[in-house]
Amino acid sequence: ASSRTRAVARRLLLWLGAFIAILAGMAASGGEARQYIVAIGAICCSALFVLVPWDAARLQVLLKMSRAERAVGPSAEEKDNSARS
């Protein structure tokens, strides 16, 4: 997999981890601050509901491009770079 694919996959895992951490923090909160913690957590979760599908779609496109490149073979630029080294 290319470095872009790995970067998007790592970022997707980061978003999912943040979502789980936010939910756990909201569930563990208590006392007078609970309503504020839940409100801020809900705002953060709404942002994650946009970021997770966005990066998931990007990852799918990058994986399809990667499969297509492997099916076609190396590009002229890659052949040139391997010939130089």
Protein backbone atom coordinates (compact mmCIF):
# COMPACT_ATOMS: atom_id res chain seq x y z
CA ALA A 1 0.00 0.00 0.00
CA SER A 2 1.18 3.49 -0.71
CA SER A 3 2.11 6.00 1.94
CA ARG A 4 -1.06 8.00 1.19
CA THR A 5 -3.20 4.91 1.78
CA ARG A 6 -1.47 4.20 5.08
CA ALA A 7 -1.84 7.84 6.16
CA VAL A 8 -5.57 7.85 5.46
CA ALA A 9 -6.00 4.50 7.22
CA ARG A 10 -4.14 5.80 10.28
CA ARG A 11 -6.23 8.96 10.33
CA LEU A 12 -9.42 6.89 10.05
CA LEU A 13 -8.31 4.81 13.04
CA LEU A 14 -7.52 8.03 14.91
CA TRP A 15 -11.05 9.36 14.29
CA LEU A 16 -12.61 6.09 15.43
CA GLY A 17 -10.43 6.05 18.55
CA ALA A 18 -11.37 9.65 19.32
CA PHE A 19 -15.05 8.79 18.91
CA ILE A 20 -14.76 5.90 21.38
CA ALA A 21 -12.81 8.07 23.83
CA ILE A 22 -15.42 10.84 23.63
CA LEU A 23 -18.26 8.41 24.24
CA ALA A 24 -16.40 6.89 27.19
CA GLY A 25 -15.70 10.35 28.62
CA MET A 26 -19.34 11.33 28.26
CA ALA A 27 -20.47 8.13 29.98
CA ALA A 28 -17.96 8.53 32.82
CA SER A 29 -18.74 12.17 33.50
CA GLY A 30 -20.74 13.09 36.53
CA GLY A 31 -21.71 15.93 38.79
CA GLU A 32 -22.55 19.45 37.76
CA ALA A 33 -20.22 19.45 34.76
CA ARG A 34 -21.94 16.46 33.13
CA GLN A 35 -24.27 18.55 30.98
CA TYR A 36 -21.35 20.61 29.63
CA ILE A 37 -19.20 17.55 28.98
CA VAL A 38 -22.04 15.84 27.14
CA ALA A 39 -22.76 18.97 25.09
CA ILE A 40 -19.11 19.40 24.06
CA GLY A 41 -18.83 15.67 23.40
CA ALA A 42 -21.90 15.79 21.16
CA ILE A 43 -20.42 18.68 19.17
CA CYS A 44 -17.16 16.76 18.74
CA CYS A 45 -19.06 13.62 17.72
CA SER A 46 -20.96 15.58 15.07
CA ALA A 47 -17.62 16.59 13.52
CA LEU A 48 -16.47 12.97 13.62
CA PHE A 49 -19.66 11.88 11.86
CA VAL A 50 -18.42 13.94 8.90
CA LEU A 51 -14.72 13.04 9.13
CA VAL A 52 -15.10 9.26 9.43
CA PRO A 53 -17.15 8.72 6.23
CA TRP A 54 -14.99 11.26 4.38
CA ASP A 55 -11.76 9.40 5.17
CA ALA A 56 -13.45 6.02 4.61
CA ALA A 57 -14.44 7.13 1.12
CA ARG A 58 -10.92 8.44 0.48
CA LEU A 59 -9.46 5.12 1.63
CA GLN A 60 -11.76 3.18 -0.72
CA VAL A 61 -10.73 5.35 -3.67
CA LEU A 62 -7.03 5.01 -2.86
CA LEU A 63 -7.35 1.23 -2.55
CA LYS A 64 -9.15 1.02 -5.91
CA MET A 65 -6.45 3.18 -7.50
CA SER A 66 -3.77 0.98 -5.98
CA ARG A 67 -5.41 -2.18 -7.37
CA ALA A 68 -5.78 -0.57 -10.79
CA GLU A 69 -2.11 0.47 -10.82
CA ARG A 70 -1.04 -3.07 -9.94
CA ALA A 71 -3.23 -4.49 -12.72
CA VAL A 72 -1.79 -2.11 -15.32
CA GLY A 73 1.81 -2.39 -14.17
CA PRO A 74 4.44 0.18 -13.33
CA SER A 75 4.17 3.62 -14.87
CA ALA A 76 6.78 5.06 -17.19
CA GLU A 77 8.04 7.24 -14.35
CA GLU A 78 8.48 4.25 -12.05
CA LYS A 79 10.34 2.35 -14.80
CA ASP A 80 12.61 5.36 -15.31
CA ASN A 81 13.29 5.64 -11.57
CA SER A 82 14.12 1.94 -11.26
CA ALA A 83 16.43 2.11 -14.29
CA ARG A 84 18.37 4.98 -12.69
CA SER A 85 18.97 3.12 -9.42
